[in-house]
C-alpha atoms as a PDB file:
ATOM      1  CA  MET A   1      -1.061  23.329 -16.863  1.00  0.00           C
ATOM      2  CA  LEU A   2      -3.049  20.218 -15.890  1.00  0.00           C
ATOM      3  CA  GLU A   3       0.141  18.128 -16.017  1.00  0.00           C
ATOM      4  CA  LYS A   4       1.831  20.538 -13.600  1.00  0.00           C
ATOM      5  CA  ILE A   5      -1.106  20.202 -11.169  1.00  0.00           C
ATOM      6  CA  LYS A   6      -0.895  16.389 -11.404  1.00  0.00           C
ATOM      7  CA  GLN A   7       2.862  16.482 -10.728  1.00  0.00           C
ATOM      8  CA  ASN A   8       2.389  18.565  -7.578  1.00  0.00           C
ATOM      9  CA  TYR A   9      -0.862  17.038  -6.314  1.00  0.00           C
ATOM     10  CA  HIS A  10       0.919  15.115  -3.555  1.00  0.00           C
ATOM     11  CA  LYS A  11       2.523  18.334  -2.292  1.00  0.00           C
ATOM     12  CA  GLN A  12      -0.902  19.939  -1.936  1.00  0.00           C
ATOM     13  CA  VAL A  13      -2.653  16.994  -0.281  1.00  0.00           C
ATOM     14  CA  TYR A  14      -0.024  15.314   1.916  1.00  0.00           C
ATOM     15  CA  GLN A  15       2.055  16.806   4.704  1.00  0.00           C
ATOM     16  CA  LYS A  16       5.733  16.017   5.205  1.00  0.00           C
ATOM     17  CA  ASN A  17       7.256  14.920   8.489  1.00  0.00           C
ATOM     18  CA  LYS A  18      10.481  16.421   9.863  1.00  0.00           C
ATOM     19  CA  ASP A  19      12.530  13.838   7.914  1.00  0.00           C
ATOM     20  CA  GLY A  20      10.933  14.915   4.627  1.00  0.00           C
ATOM     21  CA  ALA A  21       8.733  11.835   4.146  1.00  0.00           C
ATOM     22  CA  PHE A  22       5.161  12.343   3.001  1.00  0.00           C
ATOM     23  CA  LYS A  23       2.628  11.320   5.635  1.00  0.00           C
ATOM     24  CA  ILE A  24      -0.469   9.244   4.967  1.00  0.00           C
ATOM     25  CA  LEU A  25      -2.683  10.081   7.935  1.00  0.00           C
ATOM     26  CA  VAL A  26      -5.022   7.449   9.351  1.00  0.00           C
ATOM     27  CA  SER A  27      -7.407   8.285  12.175  1.00  0.00           C
ATOM     28  CA  LEU A  28      -8.282   5.389  14.486  1.00  0.00           C
ATOM     29  CA  ASP A  29     -10.694   5.058  17.387  1.00  0.00           C
ATOM     30  CA  LYS A  30      -9.167   1.705  18.328  1.00  0.00           C
ATOM     31  CA  TYR A  31      -6.492  -0.610  16.924  1.00  0.00           C
ATOM     32  CA  GLU A  32      -9.074  -3.180  15.896  1.00  0.00           C
ATOM     33  CA  ASP A  33     -10.391  -0.749  13.232  1.00  0.00           C
ATOM     34  CA  ILE A  34      -7.525  -1.864  10.960  1.00  0.00           C
ATOM     35  CA  TYR A  35      -8.520  -5.526  11.037  1.00  0.00           C
ATOM     36  CA  SER A  36     -11.306  -7.220   9.117  1.00  0.00           C
ATOM     37  CA  ASP A  37     -14.551  -7.619  11.081  1.00  0.00           C
ATOM     38  CA  TRP A  38     -15.403 -10.714   9.041  1.00  0.00           C
ATOM     39  CA  ASP A  39     -12.286 -12.638  10.020  1.00  0.00           C
ATOM     40  CA  PRO A  40     -13.035 -14.810  13.105  1.00  0.00           C
ATOM     41  CA  ALA A  41      -9.330 -15.364  13.914  1.00  0.00           C
ATOM     42  CA  PRO A  42      -7.701 -13.718  16.961  1.00  0.00           C
ATOM     43  CA  PHE A  43      -6.574 -10.151  16.235  1.00  0.00           C
ATOM     44  CA  ARG A  44      -2.893 -11.018  15.864  1.00  0.00           C
ATOM     45  CA  LYS A  45      -3.841 -13.369  12.994  1.00  0.00           C
ATOM     46  CA  ARG A  46      -6.680 -11.402  11.399  1.00  0.00           C
ATOM     47  CA  ASP A  47      -6.604 -10.067   7.884  1.00  0.00           C
ATOM     48  CA  ILE A  48      -6.183  -6.345   7.366  1.00  0.00           C
ATOM     49  CA  GLU A  49      -9.406  -4.521   6.442  1.00  0.00           C
ATOM     50  CA  ASP A  50      -9.769  -4.169   2.637  1.00  0.00           C
ATOM     51  CA  ASP A  51     -10.927  -0.539   2.854  1.00  0.00           C
ATOM     52  CA  PHE A  52      -7.815   0.362   4.840  1.00  0.00           C
ATOM     53  CA  VAL A  53      -5.522  -1.360   2.328  1.00  0.00           C
ATOM     54  CA  GLU A  54      -7.279   0.365  -0.570  1.00  0.00           C
ATOM     55  CA  TYR A  55      -6.927   3.762   1.134  1.00  0.00           C
ATOM     56  CA  ILE A  56      -3.188   3.211   1.701  1.00  0.00           C
ATOM     57  CA  TRP A  57      -2.567   2.025  -1.879  1.00  0.00           C
ATOM     58  CA  ASP A  58      -4.621   4.896  -3.351  1.00  0.00           C
ATOM     59  CA  SER A  59      -2.725   7.400  -1.231  1.00  0.00           C
ATOM     60  CA  ALA A  60       0.656   5.873  -2.029  1.00  0.00           C
ATOM     61  CA  ILE A  61      -0.082   6.042  -5.766  1.00  0.00           C
ATOM     62  CA  ASP A  62      -0.514   9.821  -5.421  1.00  0.00           C
ATOM     63  CA  ILE A  63       3.058  10.164  -4.151  1.00  0.00           C
ATOM     64  CA  PRO A  64       5.956   9.688  -6.605  1.00  0.00           C
ATOM     65  CA  LEU A  65       8.100   6.571  -6.115  1.00  0.00           C
ATOM     66  CA  LYS A  66      11.208   8.648  -5.420  1.00  0.00           C
ATOM     67  CA  GLU A  67       9.574  10.084  -2.274  1.00  0.00           C
ATOM     68  CA  ASP A  68       9.530   8.427   1.147  1.00  0.00           C
ATOM     69  CA  ILE A  69       6.168   7.638   2.735  1.00  0.00           C
ATOM     70  CA  LYS A  70       5.185   7.181   6.377  1.00  0.00           C
ATOM     71  CA  ILE A  71       1.812   5.918   7.557  1.00  0.00           C
ATOM     72  CA  VAL A  72       0.860   7.963  10.630  1.00  0.00           C
ATOM     73  CA  PHE A  73      -1.911   6.812  12.945  1.00  0.00           C
ATOM     74  CA  LEU A  74      -3.851   9.486  14.784  1.00  0.00           C
ATOM     75  CA  MET A  75      -5.349   8.161  17.987  1.00  0.00           C
ATOM     76  CA  ASP A  76      -6.514   9.407  21.356  1.00  0.00           C
ATOM     77  CA  GLU A  77      -3.624   9.172  23.823  1.00  0.00           C
ATOM     78  CA  LYS A  78      -5.869   7.353  26.324  1.00  0.00           C
ATOM     79  CA  VAL A  79      -6.341   4.454  23.903  1.00  0.00           C
ATOM     80  CA  ARG A  80      -2.682   4.048  22.920  1.00  0.00           C
ATOM     81  CA  ASN A  81      -1.163   0.697  23.800  1.00  0.00           C
ATOM     82  CA  GLU A  82       2.461  -0.079  22.933  1.00  0.00           C
ATOM     83  CA  PRO A  83       2.100  -3.881  22.591  1.00  0.00           C
ATOM     84  CA  LYS A  84      -0.905  -3.421  20.269  1.00  0.00           C
ATOM     85  CA  GLU A  85       1.005  -0.821  18.250  1.00  0.00           C
ATOM     86  CA  THR A  86       3.957  -3.168  17.854  1.00  0.00           C
ATOM     87  CA  GLN A  87       1.594  -5.962  16.774  1.00  0.00           C
ATOM     88  CA  LEU A  88      -0.166  -3.637  14.305  1.00  0.00           C
ATOM     89  CA  VAL A  89       3.084  -2.423  12.729  1.00  0.00           C
ATOM     90  CA  LYS A  90       4.269  -6.024  12.338  1.00  0.00           C
ATOM     91  CA  ALA A  91       0.941  -7.064  10.785  1.00  0.00           C
ATOM     92  CA  LEU A  92       1.020  -4.160   8.327  1.00  0.00           C
ATOM     93  CA  ASN A  93       4.634  -4.824   7.355  1.00  0.00           C
ATOM     94  CA  ASN A  94       3.804  -8.492   6.780  1.00  0.00           C
ATOM     95  CA  HIS A  95       0.710  -7.636   4.753  1.00  0.00           C
ATOM     96  CA  PHE A  96       2.373  -5.113   2.441  1.00  0.00           C
ATOM     97  CA  THR A  97       5.557  -7.191   2.053  1.00  0.00           C
ATOM     98  CA  TYR A  98       3.444 -10.184   1.054  1.00  0.00           C
ATOM     99  CA  SER A  99       1.403  -8.043  -1.369  1.00  0.00           C
ATOM    100  CA  LEU A 100       4.571  -6.715  -2.971  1.00  0.00           C
ATOM    101  CA  HIS A 101       6.074 -10.188  -3.393  1.00  0.00           C
ATOM    102  CA  LYS A 102       2.788 -11.511  -4.778  1.00  0.00           C
ATOM    103  CA  SER A 103       2.627  -8.658  -7.312  1.00  0.00           C
ATOM    104  CA  GLU A 104       6.243  -9.272  -8.358  1.00  0.00           C
ATOM    105  CA  ARG A 105       5.585 -12.979  -8.749  1.00  0.00           C
ATOM    106  CA  LEU A 106       2.490 -12.330 -10.905  1.00  0.00           C
ATOM    107  CA  TYR A 107       4.416  -9.832 -13.020  1.00  0.00           C
ATOM    108  CA  PHE A 108       7.340 -12.191 -13.664  1.00  0.00           C
ATOM    109  CA  ASN A 109       5.015 -15.116 -14.386  1.00  0.00           C
ATOM    110  CA  GLU A 110       3.153 -12.963 -16.899  1.00  0.00           C
ATOM    111  CA  MET A 111       6.425 -11.850 -18.522  1.00  0.00           C
ATOM    112  CA  ARG A 112       7.608 -15.472 -18.727  1.00  0.00           C
ATOM    113  CA  HIS A 113       4.277 -16.463 -20.289  1.00  0.00           C
ATOM    114  CA  MET A 114       4.487 -13.624 -22.835  1.00  0.00           C
ATOM    115  CA  LYS A 115       8.073 -14.513 -23.820  1.00  0.00           C
ATOM    116  CA  LYS A 116       7.168 -18.160 -24.247  1.00  0.00           C
ATOM    117  CA  HIS A 117       4.249 -17.351 -26.551  1.00  0.00           C
ATOM    118  CA  ALA A 118       5.929 -14.462 -28.349  1.00  0.00           C
ATOM    119  CA  ARG A 119       8.463 -16.881 -29.872  1.00  0.00           C
ATOM    120  CA  SER A 120       5.684 -18.982 -31.384  1.00  0.00           C
ATOM    121  CA  ILE A 121       3.831 -16.108 -33.079  1.00  0.00           C
ATOM    122  CA  PRO A 122       4.693 -16.004 -36.771  1.00  0.00           C
ATOM    123  CA  ILE A 123       5.309 -12.536 -38.135  1.00  0.00           C
ATOM    124  CA  THR A 124       4.571 -11.828 -41.775  1.00  0.00           C
ATOM    125  CA  CYS A 125       4.709  -8.758 -43.905  1.00  0.00           C
ATOM    126  CA  ALA A 126       2.478  -8.258 -46.918  1.00  0.00           C
ATOM    127  CA  LEU A 127       3.489  -5.755 -49.553  1.00  0.00           C
END
């Protein structure tokens, strides 16, 4: 029973868009909310806020890999700004692409390290 609830959790918590992708909803007062307050760089070069990244990763983990995901920003229409949106989407794509490549690189380095050391481990059997 509990396993069935876990399998369908994403269907209970996340809405689907018209294309069938699960939506991760993010409410913003302003575009700058996504960027780190501690980073002194101009907004187009700022790091993405850690809490935002954690929220997206935690939400994405809830949704099975076979499903499509869309991040949907909810924002007052008066605040919307197309150039800032384009910049934000580019920054998020860059951030998550980099994170994915970094994770893959760490994984393959770890696998290479394990294979290298696995050959040097003597295996014995005592009867």
